[in-house]
C-alpha cells in the first residue's frame, strides 16, 4: 500500500499541475461524510465485501476509452472481479456485464451507475472539489453497498473504520488499480485504457498522463 507521506507529495504535485483548490476538495470530503452519516451502511461490511470480491482474484479493470467495446468481445468473466471505472459501467451493462465494483467520481451516466448498484455492484464514490453538487444529488439516492473516498484524506488501510477513505489514486482508472491492489487482487488486467487518446480535451490528456504515471507506480504497467 502507498504510504501517506508518499501520497501527500503526489497530491501536492497534482494540485499544482491542475491548479485545483485543496479547500474545495476538503469541502467535498466533509459533505460526503455528512451525507454518509445519515445512512444505515456499515463501512467495514462494505470493505469485507470488497475483499471477498477482489482478494486472490484476477481484477479486470475497465476504463471508458472507445476501445473498451471491442476489447470486451469474446471475454468471459467467470472467476474474475470486474471493476468499472465510472463511465465504463454503461458499456459493461450494454454488453450484459454487471460490474462487481464501480469506482466513480460521478462523471458517468448516473442512471446506469445507480441501476448497477441496486443490482449488487459495490459503489466507491470519490469526492473532490468539482463534484460537490453531484455528491449532494447522487449519494442520498444510493441505498446500500457504497463507501466514499477523497484524495485529501490520509491514506487508509482497509479493515479500519472511517467516515471516508483514501486507498490512493487520482483518476477513476488508476484509483481502481490502487483499490484492486489494496484488497489483494492476484493479478490486474486493464481493458478500455488509451493513455495516448488524442480525441480528448487538453485537461483529459493531462489526467491520462497522471493515470498512466500512477498505474506504473502501482507496478501494473511497465
Protein backbone atom coordinates (compact mmCIF):
# COMPACT_ATOMS: atom_id res chain seq x y z
CA UNK A 1 0.00 0.00 0.00
CA UNK A 2 1.17 3.54 -0.71
CA UNK A 3 2.40 5.37 2.36
CA UNK A 4 0.54 8.51 3.40
CA UNK A 5 3.66 10.67 3.14
CA UNK A 6 4.25 9.41 -0.41
CA UNK A 7 0.65 10.16 -1.39
CA UNK A 8 0.78 13.65 0.15
CA UNK A 9 3.71 14.53 -2.11
CA UNK A 10 1.88 13.22 -5.19
CA UNK A 11 -1.32 15.03 -4.21
CA UNK A 12 0.60 18.32 -3.82
CA UNK A 13 2.02 17.85 -7.34
CA UNK A 14 -1.48 17.18 -8.72
CA UNK A 15 -2.89 20.31 -7.06
CA UNK A 16 -0.05 22.37 -8.52
CA UNK A 17 -0.28 20.83 -12.00
CA UNK A 18 -4.03 21.36 -12.37
CA UNK A 19 -4.47 24.45 -10.21
CA UNK A 20 -7.00 22.61 -8.04
CA UNK A 21 -8.10 24.09 -4.73
CA UNK A 22 -7.31 21.87 -1.73
CA UNK A 23 -10.03 23.61 0.31
CA UNK A 24 -12.66 22.65 -2.28
CA UNK A 25 -11.53 19.02 -2.01
CA UNK A 26 -11.84 19.28 1.76
CA UNK A 27 -15.33 20.80 1.43
CA UNK A 28 -16.37 17.89 -0.79
CA UNK A 29 -14.94 15.42 1.73
CA UNK A 30 -16.94 16.97 4.59
CA UNK A 31 -20.15 16.95 2.52
CA UNK A 32 -19.69 13.28 1.64
CA UNK A 33 -19.03 12.43 5.31
CA UNK A 34 -22.17 14.30 6.40
CA UNK A 35 -24.36 12.51 3.84
CA UNK A 36 -22.93 9.09 4.70
CA UNK A 37 -23.52 9.63 8.43
CA UNK A 38 -27.25 9.60 7.75
CA UNK A 39 -27.11 6.21 6.03
CA UNK A 40 -27.51 2.84 7.73
CA UNK A 41 -24.44 1.48 5.96
CA UNK A 42 -21.60 -0.19 7.85
CA UNK A 43 -18.32 0.71 6.14
CA UNK A 44 -16.48 -2.33 7.48
CA UNK A 45 -19.14 -4.60 5.99
CA UNK A 46 -18.65 -2.94 2.59
CA UNK A 47 -14.87 -3.32 2.94
CA UNK A 48 -15.30 -7.01 3.77
CA UNK A 49 -17.43 -7.44 0.67
CA UNK A 50 -14.77 -5.69 -1.42
CA UNK A 51 -12.12 -8.00 -0.03
CA UNK A 52 -14.28 -11.05 -0.71
CA UNK A 53 -14.78 -9.94 -4.32
CA UNK A 54 -11.16 -8.98 -5.02
CA UNK A 55 -8.78 -10.95 -2.80
CA UNK A 56 -6.86 -13.64 -4.67
CA UNK A 57 -8.67 -12.99 -7.94
CA UNK A 58 -7.82 -11.55 -11.30
CA UNK A 59 -9.18 -8.00 -11.24
CA UNK A 60 -10.28 -6.82 -14.67
CA UNK A 61 -10.38 -3.03 -14.58
CA UNK A 62 -12.41 -1.44 -17.36
CA UNK A 63 -11.69 2.11 -18.43
CA UNK A 64 -14.03 4.11 -20.62
CA UNK A 65 -11.83 4.57 -23.70
CA UNK A 66 -13.59 3.88 -27.04
CA UNK A 67 -11.58 0.65 -27.38
CA UNK A 68 -13.43 -0.94 -24.44
CA UNK A 69 -16.36 -2.13 -26.55
CA UNK A 70 -14.15 -4.11 -28.94
CA UNK A 71 -11.86 -5.39 -26.16
CA UNK A 72 -14.85 -6.88 -24.35
CA UNK A 73 -15.80 -9.06 -27.31
CA UNK A 74 -15.11 -12.71 -26.60
CA UNK A 75 -14.24 -12.05 -22.96
CA UNK A 76 -15.83 -14.23 -20.30
CA UNK A 77 -15.69 -13.18 -16.68
CA UNK A 78 -16.50 -16.28 -14.65
CA UNK A 79 -13.98 -16.06 -11.83
CA UNK A 80 -12.63 -12.54 -12.29
CA UNK A 81 -13.60 -9.44 -10.35
CA UNK A 82 -14.79 -6.82 -12.82
CA UNK A 83 -14.16 -3.23 -11.75
CA UNK A 84 -15.71 -0.42 -13.80
CA UNK A 85 -14.09 3.00 -13.82
CA UNK A 86 -17.07 5.35 -13.86
CA UNK A 87 -18.47 5.65 -17.41
CA UNK A 88 -17.30 2.14 -18.31
CA UNK A 89 -20.32 0.99 -16.30
CA UNK A 90 -22.64 1.87 -19.18
CA UNK A 91 -20.53 -0.04 -21.72
CA UNK A 92 -20.47 -3.11 -19.49
CA UNK A 93 -24.23 -3.03 -18.94
CA UNK A 94 -24.76 -2.64 -22.68
CA UNK A 95 -22.75 -5.85 -23.07
CA UNK A 96 -24.75 -7.68 -20.38
CA UNK A 97 -21.93 -7.50 -17.82
CA UNK A 98 -22.68 -6.36 -14.29
CA UNK A 99 -19.51 -4.97 -12.69
CA UNK A 100 -18.65 -6.22 -9.23
CA UNK A 101 -17.30 -2.80 -8.26
CA UNK A 102 -17.80 0.70 -9.67
CA UNK A 103 -15.24 3.41 -8.91
CA UNK A 104 -16.76 6.77 -9.78
CA UNK A 105 -16.45 10.50 -9.24
CA UNK A 106 -19.97 10.72 -10.72
CA UNK A 107 -19.00 11.87 -14.22
CA UNK A 108 -20.56 8.80 -15.82
CA UNK A 109 -24.18 8.13 -16.73
CA UNK A 110 -25.73 8.16 -13.27
CA UNK A 111 -28.88 6.11 -14.03
CA UNK A 112 -26.67 3.18 -15.14
CA UNK A 113 -24.43 3.53 -12.08
CA UNK A 114 -27.39 3.54 -9.68
CA UNK A 115 -29.04 0.67 -11.61
CA UNK A 116 -25.88 -1.46 -11.30
CA UNK A 117 -25.56 -0.60 -7.61
CA UNK A 118 -29.13 -1.68 -6.96
CA UNK A 119 -28.37 -4.97 -8.72
CA UNK A 120 -25.44 -5.53 -6.35
CA UNK A 121 -22.39 -3.61 -7.61
CA UNK A 122 -20.37 -2.03 -4.83
CA UNK A 123 -20.05 1.70 -5.47
CA UNK A 124 -16.91 3.59 -4.42
CA UNK A 125 -17.79 7.28 -4.78
CA UNK A 126 -14.94 9.77 -4.95
CA UNK A 127 -15.48 13.25 -3.50
CA UNK A 128 -13.49 16.17 -4.90
CA UNK A 129 -13.87 19.90 -5.39
CA UNK A 130 -15.52 19.66 -8.81
CA UNK A 131 -18.34 17.25 -7.99
CA UNK A 132 -19.91 18.70 -4.84
CA UNK A 133 -23.33 19.22 -6.43
CA UNK A 134 -23.34 15.67 -7.81
CA UNK A 135 -22.46 14.31 -4.38
CA UNK A 136 -25.48 16.11 -2.94
CA UNK A 137 -27.69 14.76 -5.70
CA UNK A 138 -26.49 11.17 -6.06
CA UNK A 139 -25.28 9.97 -2.66
CA UNK A 140 -28.70 10.33 -0.97
CA UNK A 141 -30.19 8.12 -3.71
CA UNK A 142 -27.75 5.25 -3.11
CA UNK A 143 -29.27 2.89 -0.58
CA UNK A 144 -26.57 0.28 0.04
CA UNK A 145 -23.12 -1.06 -0.91
CA UNK A 146 -21.37 2.31 -1.01
CA UNK A 147 -18.31 3.88 0.56
CA UNK A 148 -16.68 7.22 -0.20
CA UNK A 149 -13.11 8.24 -0.92
CA UNK A 150 -11.32 11.58 -1.04
CA UNK A 151 -7.85 12.44 -2.30
CA UNK A 152 -7.31 14.96 0.51
CA UNK A 153 -7.92 12.31 3.18
CA UNK A 154 -4.99 10.41 4.70
CA UNK A 155 -4.18 7.05 3.11
CA UNK A 156 -6.44 4.45 4.75
CA UNK A 157 -5.50 0.82 5.44
CA UNK A 158 -8.52 -1.35 4.70
CA UNK A 159 -10.01 -3.01 7.71
CA UNK A 160 -10.22 0.30 9.57
CA UNK A 161 -13.49 2.10 10.16
CA UNK A 162 -13.51 5.63 8.81
CA UNK A 163 -16.03 8.14 7.57
CA UNK A 164 -14.14 8.47 4.29
CA UNK A 165 -11.28 6.55 2.68
CA UNK A 166 -8.20 7.07 0.56
CA UNK A 167 -6.64 3.98 -0.99
CA UNK A 168 -4.51 6.07 -3.36
CA UNK A 169 -5.06 7.21 -6.93
CA UNK A 170 -6.28 10.29 -8.77
CA UNK A 171 -8.49 9.36 -11.75
CA UNK A 172 -11.20 6.69 -11.64
CA UNK A 173 -8.97 4.34 -13.65
CA UNK A 174 -5.83 4.47 -11.55
CA UNK A 175 -7.86 4.68 -8.33
CA UNK A 176 -9.45 1.36 -9.39
CA UNK A 177 -5.96 -0.11 -9.68
CA UNK A 178 -5.00 1.03 -6.19
CA UNK A 179 -8.23 -0.40 -4.77
CA UNK A 180 -7.60 -3.74 -6.50
CA UNK A 181 -4.09 -3.86 -5.04
CA UNK A 182 -5.24 -2.78 -1.58
CA UNK A 183 -7.81 -5.58 -1.42
CA UNK A 184 -5.44 -8.29 -2.59
CA UNK A 185 -6.00 -8.92 -6.30
CA UNK A 186 -3.68 -11.66 -7.51
CA UNK A 187 -3.42 -10.08 -10.95
CA UNK A 188 -4.68 -6.88 -12.56
CA UNK A 189 -5.75 -6.65 -16.20
CA UNK A 190 -6.65 -3.38 -17.90
CA UNK A 191 -9.32 -3.12 -20.61
CA UNK A 192 -10.52 0.10 -22.22
CA UNK A 193 -7.49 2.22 -21.39
CA UNK A 194 -5.95 4.51 -24.01
CA UNK A 195 -3.38 6.77 -22.42
CA UNK A 196 -2.48 8.35 -25.76
CA UNK A 197 -6.02 9.27 -26.86
CA UNK A 198 -5.79 12.44 -28.94
CA UNK A 199 -9.56 12.89 -29.26
CA UNK A 200 -9.99 14.27 -25.76
CA UNK A 201 -9.66 17.70 -24.18
CA UNK A 202 -6.32 19.08 -23.01
CA UNK A 203 -7.24 18.56 -19.36
CA UNK A 204 -8.31 14.97 -20.07
CA UNK A 205 -4.96 14.32 -21.79
CA UNK A 206 -3.20 15.62 -18.69
CA UNK A 207 -5.33 13.35 -16.50
CA UNK A 208 -4.47 10.37 -18.70
CA UNK A 209 -0.78 11.13 -18.23
CA UNK A 210 -1.25 11.17 -14.48
CA UNK A 211 -3.27 7.95 -14.61
CA UNK A 212 -0.51 6.20 -16.55
CA UNK A 213 2.15 7.54 -14.21
CA UNK A 214 0.28 6.30 -11.13
CA UNK A 215 -0.54 2.90 -12.64
CA UNK A 216 3.15 2.46 -13.44
CA UNK A 217 3.94 3.43 -9.86
CA UNK A 218 1.49 0.75 -8.72
CA UNK A 219 3.51 -1.81 -10.68
CA UNK A 220 0.77 -2.69 -13.16
CA UNK A 221 2.33 -1.11 -16.25
CA UNK A 222 5.99 -1.10 -17.22
